[in-house]
Every structure is written in structure tokens, then in C-alpha cells.
Amino acid sequence: MVTTRAPAALPDRLRETAERLEGGSPEDVLRWALDTYGTCMALACSFGGPSGMVLLDLALALEPRLPVFYLDTGLLFPETYALIETVADRYGISPIAVRPALSVTDQATAH
């Protein structure tokens, strides 16, 4: 097993936090982030795979008001949009769609 140490340039507090959380559970890391940043942080979710859904479930169990966003390229599968709706209903959240300034059609025309 290869171990790495935090670069010496990191402030002591950040290095100490990283060392304390190293090997911790995902819940430990999420709890630290929520205790530190609260709902000023947000969770990015692709709604495209199991790992993102597990992280979403863990995070929302700890803080149900945590903002959740996803990148909507305009090219997501219909099943992805259906899953977003299902998740929104299940958790009582309103995932925020972050979209490009230009639609897919506008991009094709412009570029």
C-alpha cells in the first residue's frame, strides 16, 4: 500500500483535517463538510450511476436541505430525466439544472 502525505505547502489546519478524515467513512467526510459549510455547499449529481445515487442518499440523510444540482447538456437520456423526477419526489428536493447558455441547436449553428 502506498501512502502519501499532504504537501508541506498546505496550511496546518487543512493538513490536520485531511489526516483526521483519512480512512474515515463517507458519512464522516460528509458530516465534516456539512458542519463546516452547511447548506452553503451543494452536491453535484449526474443521476447516471450507482455511486452518485449512494452519495446523494447519504448526504440527504444528513442534511435534507442540501442543494443538489446536475449538468443538463440537453443530451441526457429520457431515463435520466425520469430518474431526476423520481429522486425529486422521493427526497422532496428540487434538483437544480445547470444548462449551457446555448441550446444544442444553437451550439450546432454557432460552431
PDB file of N, CA and C in Angstrom:
ATOM      1  N   MET A   1       0.843  -1.177   0.000  1.00  0.00           N
ATOM      2  CA  MET A   1       0.000   0.000   0.000  1.00  0.00           C
ATOM      3  C   MET A   1       0.890   1.243   0.000  1.00  0.00           C
ATOM      4  N   VAL A   2       0.616   2.148  -0.895  1.00  0.00           N
ATOM      5  CA  VAL A   2       1.364   3.390  -0.989  1.00  0.00           C
ATOM      6  C   VAL A   2       0.654   4.433  -0.144  1.00  0.00           C
ATOM      7  N   THR A   3       1.405   5.103   0.699  1.00  0.00           N
ATOM      8  CA  THR A   3       0.811   6.179   1.484  1.00  0.00           C
ATOM      9  C   THR A   3       1.383   7.495   0.998  1.00  0.00           C
ATOM     10  N   THR A   4       0.553   8.492   1.017  1.00  0.00           N
ATOM     11  CA  THR A   4       1.010   9.825   0.639  1.00  0.00           C
ATOM     12  C   THR A   4       0.735  10.767   1.783  1.00  0.00           C
ATOM     13  N   ARG A   5       1.516  11.778   1.871  1.00  0.00           N
ATOM     14  CA  ARG A   5       1.330  12.794   2.892  1.00  0.00           C
ATOM     15  C   ARG A   5       0.878  14.073   2.213  1.00  0.00           C
ATOM     16  N   ALA A   6       0.148  14.882   2.942  1.00  0.00           N
ATOM     17  CA  ALA A   6      -0.287  16.172   2.414  1.00  0.00           C
ATOM     18  C   ALA A   6       0.949  17.015   2.093  1.00  0.00           C
ATOM     19  N   PRO A   7       0.919  17.757   1.004  1.00  0.00           N
ATOM     20  CA  PRO A   7       2.057  18.619   0.665  1.00  0.00           C
ATOM     21  C   PRO A   7       2.354  19.590   1.803  1.00  0.00           C
ATOM     22  N   ALA A   8       3.621  19.882   1.996  1.00  0.00           N
ATOM     23  CA  ALA A   8       4.032  20.779   3.079  1.00  0.00           C
ATOM     24  C   ALA A   8       3.419  22.164   2.936  1.00  0.00           C
ATOM     25  N   ALA A   9       3.053  22.557   1.716  1.00  0.00           N
ATOM     26  CA  ALA A   9       2.521  23.895   1.487  1.00  0.00           C
ATOM     27  C   ALA A   9       1.107  24.078   2.044  1.00  0.00           C
ATOM     28  N   LEU A  10       0.408  22.973   2.351  1.00  0.00           N
ATOM     29  CA  LEU A  10      -0.948  23.105   2.876  1.00  0.00           C
ATOM     30  C   LEU A  10      -0.924  23.711   4.271  1.00  0.00           C
ATOM     31  N   PRO A  11      -1.866  24.581   4.549  1.00  0.00           N
ATOM     32  CA  PRO A  11      -1.948  25.127   5.915  1.00  0.00           C
ATOM     33  C   PRO A  11      -2.133  23.990   6.920  1.00  0.00           C
ATOM     34  N   ASP A  12      -1.609  24.185   8.108  1.00  0.00           N
ATOM     35  CA  ASP A  12      -1.660  23.149   9.143  1.00  0.00           C
ATOM     36  C   ASP A  12      -3.075  22.653   9.395  1.00  0.00           C
ATOM     37  N   ARG A  13      -4.031  23.565   9.466  1.00  0.00           N
ATOM     38  CA  ARG A  13      -5.417  23.169   9.765  1.00  0.00           C
ATOM     39  C   ARG A  13      -5.977  22.241   8.693  1.00  0.00           C
ATOM     40  N   LEU A  14      -5.699  22.553   7.431  1.00  0.00           N
ATOM     41  CA  LEU A  14      -6.183  21.711   6.343  1.00  0.00           C
ATOM     42  C   LEU A  14      -5.494  20.349   6.381  1.00  0.00           C
ATOM     43  N   ARG A  15      -4.200  20.341   6.624  1.00  0.00           N
ATOM     44  CA  ARG A  15      -3.456  19.085   6.710  1.00  0.00           C
ATOM     45  C   ARG A  15      -3.998  18.225   7.846  1.00  0.00           C
ATOM     46  N   GLU A  16      -4.248  18.839   9.001  1.00  0.00           N
ATOM     47  CA  GLU A  16      -4.782  18.108  10.148  1.00  0.00           C
ATOM     48  C   GLU A  16      -6.162  17.524   9.844  1.00  0.00           C
ATOM     49  N   THR A  17      -6.985  18.294   9.167  1.00  0.00           N
ATOM     50  CA  THR A  17      -8.325  17.813   8.801  1.00  0.00           C
ATOM     51  C   THR A  17      -8.221  16.641   7.849  1.00  0.00           C
ATOM     52  N   ALA A  18      -7.363  16.751   6.847  1.00  0.00           N
ATOM     53  CA  ALA A  18      -7.188  15.664   5.878  1.00  0.00           C
ATOM     54  C   ALA A  18      -6.691  14.399   6.573  1.00  0.00           C
ATOM     55  N   GLU A  19      -5.754  14.554   7.489  1.00  0.00           N
ATOM     56  CA  GLU A  19      -5.235  13.394   8.216  1.00  0.00           C
ATOM     57  C   GLU A  19      -6.312  12.773   9.103  1.00  0.00           C
ATOM     58  N   ARG A  20      -7.121  13.607   9.734  1.00  0.00           N
ATOM     59  CA  ARG A  20      -8.181  13.106  10.616  1.00  0.00           C
ATOM     60  C   ARG A  20      -9.249  12.357   9.817  1.00  0.00           C
ATOM     61  N   LEU A  21      -9.554  12.837   8.623  1.00  0.00           N
ATOM     62  CA  LEU A  21     -10.605  12.214   7.814  1.00  0.00           C
ATOM     63  C   LEU A  21     -10.102  11.049   6.974  1.00  0.00           C
ATOM     64  N   GLU A  22      -8.801  10.933   6.798  1.00  0.00           N
ATOM     65  CA  GLU A  22      -8.225   9.840   6.015  1.00  0.00           C
ATOM     66  C   GLU A  22      -8.680   8.514   6.608  1.00  0.00           C
ATOM     67  N   GLY A  23      -9.263   7.682   5.781  1.00  0.00           N
ATOM     68  CA  GLY A  23      -9.741   6.391   6.264  1.00  0.00           C
ATOM     69  C   GLY A  23     -11.092   6.452   6.950  1.00  0.00           C
ATOM     70  N   GLY A  24     -11.642   7.649   7.074  1.00  0.00           N
ATOM     71  CA  GLY A  24     -12.971   7.787   7.681  1.00  0.00           C
ATOM     72  C   GLY A  24     -14.054   7.310   6.724  1.00  0.00           C
ATOM     73  N   SER A  25     -15.216   7.131   7.241  1.00  0.00           N
ATOM     74  CA  SER A  25     -16.344   6.708   6.413  1.00  0.00           C
ATOM     75  C   SER A  25     -16.827   7.875   5.558  1.00  0.00           C
ATOM     76  N   PRO A  26     -17.563   7.581   4.497  1.00  0.00           N
ATOM     77  CA  PRO A  26     -18.154   8.672   3.716  1.00  0.00           C
ATOM     78  C   PRO A  26     -19.022   9.589   4.574  1.00  0.00           C
ATOM     79  N   GLU A  27     -19.735   9.004   5.541  1.00  0.00           N
ATOM     80  CA  GLU A  27     -20.562   9.811   6.432  1.00  0.00           C
ATOM     81  C   GLU A  27     -19.707  10.774   7.253  1.00  0.00           C
ATOM     82  N   ASP A  28     -18.521  10.316   7.682  1.00  0.00           N
ATOM     83  CA  ASP A  28     -17.620  11.186   8.450  1.00  0.00           C
ATOM     84  C   ASP A  28     -17.207  12.395   7.616  1.00  0.00           C
ATOM     85  N   VAL A  29     -16.858  12.143   6.370  1.00  0.00           N
ATOM     86  CA  VAL A  29     -16.417  13.225   5.483  1.00  0.00           C
ATOM     87  C   VAL A  29     -17.577  14.172   5.186  1.00  0.00           C
ATOM     88  N   LEU A  30     -18.747  13.610   4.896  1.00  0.00           N
ATOM     89  CA  LEU A  30     -19.919  14.452   4.640  1.00  0.00           C
ATOM     90  C   LEU A  30     -20.298  15.262   5.872  1.00  0.00           C
ATOM     91  N   ARG A  31     -20.261  14.635   7.046  1.00  0.00           N
ATOM     92  CA  ARG A  31     -20.613  15.351   8.268  1.00  0.00           C
ATOM     93  C   ARG A  31     -19.649  16.517   8.490  1.00  0.00           C
ATOM     94  N   TRP A  32     -18.341  16.280   8.274  1.00  0.00           N
ATOM     95  CA  TRP A  32     -17.367  17.370   8.415  1.00  0.00           C
ATOM     96  C   TRP A  32     -17.705  18.501   7.440  1.00  0.00           C
ATOM     97  N   ALA A  33     -17.976  18.155   6.180  1.00  0.00           N
ATOM     98  CA  ALA A  33     -18.279  19.182   5.183  1.00  0.00           C
ATOM     99  C   ALA A  33     -19.534  19.955   5.560  1.00  0.00           C
ATOM    100  N   LEU A  34     -20.555  19.250   6.009  1.00  0.00           N
ATOM    101  CA  LEU A  34     -21.793  19.920   6.396  1.00  0.00           C
ATOM    102  C   LEU A  34     -21.606  20.758   7.659  1.00  0.00           C
ATOM    103  N   ASP A  35     -20.837  20.252   8.613  1.00  0.00           N
ATOM    104  CA  ASP A  35     -20.564  21.036   9.821  1.00  0.00           C
ATOM    105  C   ASP A  35     -19.765  22.290   9.485  1.00  0.00           C
ATOM    106  N   THR A  36     -18.897  22.180   8.473  1.00  0.00           N
ATOM    107  CA  THR A  36     -18.035  23.294   8.095  1.00  0.00           C
ATOM    108  C   THR A  36     -18.739  24.291   7.198  1.00  0.00           C
ATOM    109  N   TYR A  37     -19.488  23.794   6.207  1.00  0.00           N
ATOM    110  CA  TYR A  37     -20.073  24.674   5.186  1.00  0.00           C
ATOM    111  C   TYR A  37     -21.594  24.739   5.209  1.00  0.00           C
ATOM    112  N   GLY A  38     -22.241  23.811   5.885  1.00  0.00           N
ATOM    113  CA  GLY A  38     -23.698  23.799   5.920  1.00  0.00           C
ATOM    114  C   GLY A  38     -24.293  23.724   4.531  1.00  0.00           C
ATOM    115  N   THR A  39     -25.409  24.395   4.355  1.00  0.00           N
ATOM    116  CA  THR A  39     -26.071  24.368   3.052  1.00  0.00           C
ATOM    117  C   THR A  39     -25.510  25.422   2.096  1.00  0.00           C
ATOM    118  N   CYS A  40     -24.352  25.994   2.459  1.00  0.00           N
ATOM    119  CA  CYS A  40     -23.644  26.858   1.503  1.00  0.00           C
ATOM    120  C   CYS A  40     -22.913  26.011   0.470  1.00  0.00           C
ATOM    121  N   MET A  41     -22.791  24.721   0.751  1.00  0.00           N
ATOM    122  CA  MET A  41     -22.219  23.812  -0.236  1.00  0.00           C
ATOM    123  C   MET A  41     -23.371  23.147  -0.975  1.00  0.00           C
ATOM    124  N   ALA A  42     -23.058  22.507  -2.077  1.00  0.00           N
ATOM    125  CA  ALA A  42     -24.074  21.816  -2.865  1.00  0.00           C
ATOM    126  C   ALA A  42     -23.494  20.494  -3.339  1.00  0.00           C
ATOM    127  N   LEU A  43     -24.367  19.575  -3.668  1.00  0.00           N
ATOM    128  CA  LEU A  43     -23.966  18.268  -4.168  1.00  0.00           C
ATOM    129  C   LEU A  43     -24.228  18.209  -5.662  1.00  0.00           C
ATOM    130  N   ALA A  44     -23.192  17.893  -6.424  1.00  0.00           N
ATOM    131  CA  ALA A  44     -23.353  17.665  -7.858  1.00  0.00           C
ATOM    132  C   ALA A  44     -23.690  16.191  -8.055  1.00  0.00           C
ATOM    133  N   CYS A  45     -24.720  15.927  -8.824  1.00  0.00           N
ATOM    134  CA  CYS A  45     -25.144  14.541  -9.068  1.00  0.00           C
ATOM    135  C   CYS A  45     -25.418  14.379 -10.556  1.00  0.00           C
ATOM    136  N   SER A  46     -24.875  13.330 -11.138  1.00  0.00           N
ATOM    137  CA  SER A  46     -25.101  13.099 -12.570  1.00  0.00           C
ATOM    138  C   SER A  46     -26.379  12.304 -12.823  1.00  0.00           C
ATOM    139  N   PHE A  47     -26.917  11.682 -11.788  1.00  0.00           N
ATOM    140  CA  PHE A  47     -28.085  10.806 -11.931  1.00  0.00           C
ATOM    141  C   PHE A  47     -27.811   9.724 -12.969  1.00  0.00           C
ATOM    142  N   GLY A  48     -26.539   9.356 -13.105  1.00  0.00           N
ATOM    143  CA  GLY A  48     -26.175   8.406 -14.138  1.00  0.00           C
ATOM    144  C   GLY A  48     -25.546   7.129 -13.630  1.00  0.00           C
ATOM    145  N   GLY A  49     -25.361   6.998 -12.337  1.00  0.00           N
ATOM    146  CA  GLY A  49     -24.720   5.788 -11.855  1.00  0.00           C
ATOM    147  C   GLY A  49     -24.965   5.561 -10.382  1.00  0.00           C
ATOM    148  N   PRO A  50     -24.681   4.353  -9.927  1.00  0.00           N
ATOM    149  CA  PRO A  50     -24.967   3.999  -8.539  1.00  0.00           C
ATOM    150  C   PRO A  50     -24.177   4.818  -7.516  1.00  0.00           C
ATOM    151  N   SER A  51     -22.916   5.137  -7.794  1.00  0.00           N
ATOM    152  CA  SER A  51     -22.117   5.842  -6.780  1.00  0.00           C
ATOM    153  C   SER A  51     -22.690   7.221  -6.483  1.00  0.00           C
ATOM    154  N   GLY A  52     -23.158   7.920  -7.508  1.00  0.00           N
ATOM    155  CA  GLY A  52     -23.757   9.230  -7.292  1.00  0.00           C
ATOM    156  C   GLY A  52     -25.049   9.145  -6.505  1.00  0.00           C
ATOM    157  N   MET A  53     -25.808   8.094  -6.753  1.00  0.00           N
ATOM    158  CA  MET A  53     -27.078   7.934  -6.045  1.00  0.00           C
ATOM    159  C   MET A  53     -26.841   7.581  -4.577  1.00  0.00           C
ATOM    160  N   VAL A  54     -25.803   6.784  -4.307  1.00  0.00           N
ATOM    161  CA  VAL A  54     -25.468   6.447  -2.922  1.00  0.00           C
ATOM    162  C   VAL A  54     -25.018   7.708  -2.185  1.00  0.00           C
ATOM    163  N   LEU A  55     -24.167   8.497  -2.817  1.00  0.00           N
ATOM    164  CA  LEU A  55     -23.704   9.739  -2.192  1.00  0.00           C
ATOM    165  C   LEU A  55     -24.877  10.683  -1.940  1.00  0.00           C
ATOM    166  N   LEU A  56     -25.784  10.795  -2.891  1.00  0.00           N
ATOM    167  CA  LEU A  56     -26.965  11.639  -2.717  1.00  0.00           C
ATOM    168  C   LEU A  56     -27.782  11.165  -1.519  1.00  0.00           C
ATOM    169  N   ASP A  57     -28.006   9.868  -1.407  1.00  0.00           N
ATOM    170  CA  ASP A  57     -28.777   9.318  -0.298  1.00  0.00           C
ATOM    171  C   ASP A  57     -28.098   9.597   1.037  1.00  0.00           C
ATOM    172  N   LEU A  58     -26.781   9.371   1.097  1.00  0.00           N
ATOM    173  CA  LEU A  58     -26.045   9.632   2.337  1.00  0.00           C
ATOM    174  C   LEU A  58     -26.112  11.107   2.721  1.00  0.00           C
ATOM    175  N   ALA A  59     -25.866  11.972   1.749  1.00  0.00           N
ATOM    176  CA  ALA A  59     -25.839  13.412   2.026  1.00  0.00           C
ATOM    177  C   ALA A  59     -27.204  13.924   2.465  1.00  0.00           C
ATOM    178  N   LEU A  60     -28.250  13.509   1.778  1.00  0.00           N
ATOM    179  CA  LEU A  60     -29.587  13.996   2.124  1.00  0.00           C
ATOM    180  C   LEU A  60     -30.100  13.403   3.433  1.00  0.00           C
ATOM    181  N   ALA A  61     -29.582  12.241   3.818  1.00  0.00           N
ATOM    182  CA  ALA A  61     -29.936  11.690   5.132  1.00  0.00           C
ATOM    183  C   ALA A  61     -29.352  12.571   6.241  1.00  0.00           C
ATOM    184  N   LEU A  62     -28.180  13.150   5.978  1.00  0.00           N
ATOM    185  CA  LEU A  62     -27.543  14.027   6.966  1.00  0.00           C
ATOM    186  C   LEU A  62     -28.092  15.447   6.921  1.00  0.00           C
ATOM    187  N   GLU A  63     -28.433  15.921   5.712  1.00  0.00           N
ATOM    188  CA  GLU A  63     -28.943  17.298   5.565  1.00  0.00           C
ATOM    189  C   GLU A  63     -29.947  17.338   4.408  1.00  0.00           C
ATOM    190  N   PRO A  64     -31.236  17.169   4.723  1.00  0.00           N
ATOM    191  CA  PRO A  64     -32.269  17.131   3.681  1.00  0.00           C
ATOM    192  C   PRO A  64     -32.407  18.422   2.877  1.00  0.00           C
ATOM    193  N   ARG A  65     -31.872  19.544   3.400  1.00  0.00           N
ATOM    194  CA  ARG A  65     -31.979  20.822   2.677  1.00  0.00           C
ATOM    195  C   ARG A  65     -30.769  21.100   1.784  1.00  0.00           C
ATOM    196  N   LEU A  66     -29.860  20.140   1.680  1.00  0.00           N
ATOM    197  CA  LEU A  66     -28.657  20.335   0.873  1.00  0.00           C
ATOM    198  C   LEU A  66     -29.034  20.554  -0.589  1.00  0.00           C
ATOM    199  N   PRO A  67     -28.569  21.650  -1.188  1.00  0.00           N
ATOM    200  CA  PRO A  67     -28.860  21.855  -2.615  1.00  0.00           C
ATOM    201  C   PRO A  67     -28.194  20.768  -3.473  1.00  0.00           C
ATOM    202  N   VAL A  68     -28.922  20.316  -4.467  1.00  0.00           N
ATOM    203  CA  VAL A  68     -28.421  19.301  -5.398  1.00  0.00           C
ATOM    204  C   VAL A  68     -28.539  19.884  -6.802  1.00  0.00           C
ATOM    205  N   PHE A  69     -27.463  19.766  -7.581  1.00  0.00           N
ATOM    206  CA  PHE A  69     -27.518  20.256  -8.960  1.00  0.00           C
ATOM    207  C   PHE A  69     -26.969  19.212  -9.919  1.00  0.00           C
ATOM    208  N   TYR A  70     -27.310  19.381 -11.181  1.00  0.00           N
ATOM    209  CA  TYR A  70     -26.796  18.495 -12.220  1.00  0.00           C
ATOM    210  C   TYR A  70     -26.558  19.312 -13.476  1.00  0.00           C
ATOM    211  N   LEU A  71     -25.646  18.836 -14.298  1.00  0.00           N
ATOM    212  CA  LEU A  71     -25.358  19.492 -15.568  1.00  0.00           C
ATOM    213  C   LEU A  71     -26.295  18.938 -16.620  1.00  0.00           C
ATOM    214  N   ASP A  72     -27.133  19.799 -17.143  1.00  0.00           N
ATOM    215  CA  ASP A  72     -28.099  19.397 -18.173  1.00  0.00           C
ATOM    216  C   ASP A  72     -27.588  19.886 -19.518  1.00  0.00           C
ATOM    217  N   THR A  73     -26.969  18.994 -20.249  1.00  0.00           N
ATOM    218  CA  THR A  73     -26.381  19.322 -21.544  1.00  0.00           C
ATOM    219  C   THR A  73     -27.420  19.429 -22.649  1.00  0.00           C
ATOM    220  N   GLY A  74     -28.644  19.008 -22.353  1.00  0.00           N
ATOM    221  CA  GLY A  74     -29.668  18.931 -23.381  1.00  0.00           C
ATOM    222  C   GLY A  74     -29.604  17.610 -24.127  1.00  0.00           C
ATOM    223  N   LEU A  75     -28.657  16.757 -23.717  1.00  0.00           N
ATOM    224  CA  LEU A  75     -28.468  15.471 -24.394  1.00  0.00           C
ATOM    225  C   LEU A  75     -28.616  14.291 -23.435  1.00  0.00           C
ATOM    226  N   LEU A  76     -29.221  14.529 -22.282  1.00  0.00           N
ATOM    227  CA  LEU A  76     -29.417  13.439 -21.333  1.00  0.00           C
ATOM    228  C   LEU A  76     -30.489  12.490 -21.856  1.00  0.00           C
ATOM    229  N   PHE A  77     -30.377  11.235 -21.480  1.00  0.00           N
ATOM    230  CA  PHE A  77     -31.363  10.239 -21.887  1.00  0.00           C
ATOM    231  C   PHE A  77     -32.705  10.527 -21.211  1.00  0.00           C
ATOM    232  N   PRO A  78     -33.803  10.168 -21.858  1.00  0.00           N
ATOM    233  CA  PRO A  78     -35.124  10.336 -21.224  1.00  0.00           C
ATOM    234  C   PRO A  78     -35.190   9.627 -19.868  1.00  0.00           C
ATOM    235  N   GLU A  79     -34.507   8.497 -19.746  1.00  0.00           N
ATOM    236  CA  GLU A  79     -34.491   7.762 -18.487  1.00  0.00           C
ATOM    237  C   GLU A  79     -33.815   8.576 -17.375  1.00  0.00           C
ATOM    238  N   THR A  80     -32.822   9.380 -17.746  1.00  0.00           N
ATOM    239  CA  THR A  80     -32.145  10.219 -16.752  1.00  0.00           C
ATOM    240  C   THR A  80     -33.096  11.284 -16.240  1.00  0.00           C
ATOM    241  N   TYR A  81     -33.816  11.924 -17.152  1.00  0.00           N
ATOM    242  CA  TYR A  81     -34.789  12.936 -16.722  1.00  0.00           C
ATOM    243  C   TYR A  81     -35.874  12.300 -15.853  1.00  0.00           C
ATOM    244  N   ALA A  82     -36.294  11.079 -16.203  1.00  0.00           N
ATOM    245  CA  ALA A  82     -37.304  10.382 -15.396  1.00  0.00           C
ATOM    246  C   ALA A  82     -36.751  10.075 -14.005  1.00  0.00           C
ATOM    247  N   LEU A  83     -35.477   9.677 -13.931  1.00  0.00           N
ATOM    248  CA  LEU A  83     -34.861   9.394 -12.636  1.00  0.00           C
ATOM    249  C   LEU A  83     -34.767  10.665 -11.797  1.00  0.00           C
ATOM    250  N   ILE A  84     -34.438  11.776 -12.420  1.00  0.00           N
ATOM    251  CA  ILE A  84     -34.366  13.050 -11.685  1.00  0.00           C
ATOM    252  C   ILE A  84     -35.721  13.355 -11.058  1.00  0.00           C
ATOM    253  N   GLU A  85     -36.792  13.154 -11.809  1.00  0.00           N
ATOM    254  CA  GLU A  85     -38.140  13.388 -11.267  1.00  0.00           C
ATOM    255  C   GLU A  85     -38.457  12.433 -10.128  1.00  0.00           C
ATOM    256  N   THR A  86     -38.086  11.173 -10.297  1.00  0.00           N
ATOM    257  CA  THR A  86     -38.334  10.174  -9.253  1.00  0.00           C
ATOM    258  C   THR A  86     -37.579  10.532  -7.980  1.00  0.00           C
ATOM    259  N   VAL A  87     -36.313  10.912  -8.123  1.00  0.00           N
ATOM    260  CA  VAL A  87     -35.489  11.287  -6.970  1.00  0.00           C
ATOM    261  C   VAL A  87     -36.057  12.540  -6.308  1.00  0.00           C
ATOM    262  N   ALA A  88     -36.478  13.496  -7.110  1.00  0.00           N
ATOM    263  CA  ALA A  88     -37.052  14.727  -6.563  1.00  0.00           C
ATOM    264  C   ALA A  88     -38.273  14.398  -5.698  1.00  0.00           C
ATOM    265  N   ASP A  89     -39.131  13.534  -6.207  1.00  0.00           N
ATOM    266  CA  ASP A  89     -40.320  13.130  -5.447  1.00  0.00           C
ATOM    267  C   ASP A  89     -39.942  12.341  -4.198  1.00  0.00           C
ATOM    268  N   ARG A  90     -39.014  11.418  -4.334  1.00  0.00           N
ATOM    269  CA  ARG A  90     -38.617  10.540  -3.231  1.00  0.00           C
ATOM    270  C   ARG A  90     -38.024  11.326  -2.062  1.00  0.00           C
ATOM    271  N   TYR A  91     -37.175  12.310  -2.374  1.00  0.00           N
ATOM    272  CA  TYR A  91     -36.470  13.045  -1.325  1.00  0.00           C
ATOM    273  C   TYR A  91     -37.083  14.411  -1.030  1.00  0.00           C
ATOM    274  N   GLY A  92     -38.085  14.799  -1.800  1.00  0.00           N
ATOM    275  CA  GLY A  92     -38.693  16.106  -1.580  1.00  0.00           C
ATOM    276  C   GLY A  92     -37.743  17.253  -1.896  1.00  0.00           C
ATOM    277  N   ILE A  93     -36.949  17.089  -2.960  1.00  0.00           N
ATOM    278  CA  ILE A  93     -35.971  18.102  -3.347  1.00  0.00           C
ATOM    279  C   ILE A  93     -36.303  18.634  -4.737  1.00  0.00           C
ATOM    280  N   SER A  94     -35.664  19.710  -5.096  1.00  0.00           N
ATOM    281  CA  SER A  94     -35.787  20.282  -6.439  1.00  0.00           C
ATOM    282  C   SER A  94     -34.382  20.417  -7.019  1.00  0.00           C
ATOM    283  N   PRO A  95     -33.880  19.336  -7.647  1.00  0.00           N
ATOM    284  CA  PRO A  95     -32.540  19.423  -8.225  1.00  0.00           C
ATOM    285  C   PRO A  95     -32.449  20.582  -9.216  1.00  0.00           C
ATOM    286  N   ILE A  96     -31.330  21.290  -9.158  1.00  0.00           N
ATOM    287  CA  ILE A  96     -31.124  22.476  -9.986  1.00  0.00           C
ATOM    288  C   ILE A  96     -30.420  22.062 -11.274  1.00  0.00           C
ATOM    289  N   ALA A  97     -31.052  22.346 -12.402  1.00  0.00           N
ATOM    290  CA  ALA A  97     -30.448  22.054 -13.708  1.00  0.00           C
ATOM    291  C   ALA A  97     -29.528  23.210 -14.085  1.00  0.00           C
ATOM    292  N   VAL A  98     -28.280  22.903 -14.325  1.00  0.00           N
ATOM    293  CA  VAL A  98     -27.316  23.898 -14.794  1.00  0.00           C
ATOM    294  C   VAL A  98     -27.132  23.641 -16.278  1.00  0.00           C
ATOM    295  N   ARG A  99     -27.514  24.628 -17.070  1.00  0.00           N
ATOM    296  CA  ARG A  99     -27.516  24.454 -18.525  1.00  0.00           C
ATOM    297  C   ARG A  99     -26.558  25.431 -19.197  1.00  0.00           C
ATOM    298  N   PRO A 100     -26.055  25.054 -20.370  1.00  0.00           N
ATOM    299  CA  PRO A 100     -25.201  25.985 -21.115  1.00  0.00           C
ATOM    300  C   PRO A 100     -26.021  27.175 -21.609  1.00  0.00           C
ATOM    301  N   ALA A 101     -25.334  28.254 -21.905  1.00  0.00           N
ATOM    302  CA  ALA A 101     -26.018  29.451 -22.398  1.00  0.00           C
ATOM    303  C   ALA A 101     -26.703  29.186 -23.735  1.00  0.00           C
ATOM    304  N   LEU A 102     -26.111  28.303 -24.545  1.00  0.00           N
ATOM    305  CA  LEU A 102     -26.677  27.986 -25.853  1.00  0.00           C
ATOM    306  C   LEU A 102     -27.266  26.584 -25.844  1.00  0.00           C
ATOM    307  N   SER A 103     -28.421  26.419 -26.467  1.00  0.00           N
ATOM    308  CA  SER A 103     -29.014  25.104 -26.614  1.00  0.00           C
ATOM    309  C   SER A 103     -28.147  24.276 -27.570  1.00  0.00           C
ATOM    310  N   VAL A 104     -28.428  22.997 -27.628  1.00  0.00           N
ATOM    311  CA  VAL A 104     -27.673  22.122 -28.552  1.00  0.00           C
ATOM    312  C   VAL A 104     -27.814  22.624 -29.983  1.00  0.00           C
ATOM    313  N   THR A 105     -29.007  23.001 -30.371  1.00  0.00           N
ATOM    314  CA  THR A 105     -29.242  23.507 -31.722  1.00  0.00           C
ATOM    315  C   THR A 105     -28.474  24.817 -31.943  1.00  0.00           C
ATOM    316  N   ASP A 106     -28.516  25.716 -30.966  1.00  0.00           N
ATOM    317  CA  ASP A 106     -27.786  26.976 -31.090  1.00  0.00           C
ATOM    318  C   ASP A 106     -26.269  26.751 -31.164  1.00  0.00           C
ATOM    319  N   GLN A 107     -25.785  25.774 -30.407  1.00  0.00           N
ATOM    320  CA  GLN A 107     -24.362  25.446 -30.463  1.00  0.00           C
ATOM    321  C   GLN A 107     -23.981  24.932 -31.846  1.00  0.00           C
ATOM    322  N   ALA A 108     -24.821  24.057 -32.396  1.00  0.00           N
ATOM    323  CA  ALA A 108     -24.536  23.484 -33.714  1.00  0.00           C
ATOM    324  C   ALA A 108     -24.511  24.591 -34.779  1.00  0.00           C
ATOM    325  N   THR A 109     -25.409  25.544 -34.638  1.00  0.00           N
ATOM    326  CA  THR A 109     -25.460  26.652 -35.595  1.00  0.00           C
ATOM    327  C   THR A 109     -24.244  27.567 -35.447  1.00  0.00           C
ATOM    328  N   ALA A 110     -23.889  27.859 -34.215  1.00  0.00           N
ATOM    329  CA  ALA A 110     -22.798  28.798 -33.950  1.00  0.00           C
ATOM    330  C   ALA A 110     -21.416  28.188 -34.197  1.00  0.00           C
ATOM    331  N   HIS A 111     -21.311  26.884 -34.030  1.00  0.00           N
ATOM    332  CA  HIS A 111     -19.979  26.278 -34.095  1.00  0.00           C
ATOM    333  C   HIS A 111     -19.916  25.206 -35.142  1.00  0.00           C
TER     334      HIS A 111
END
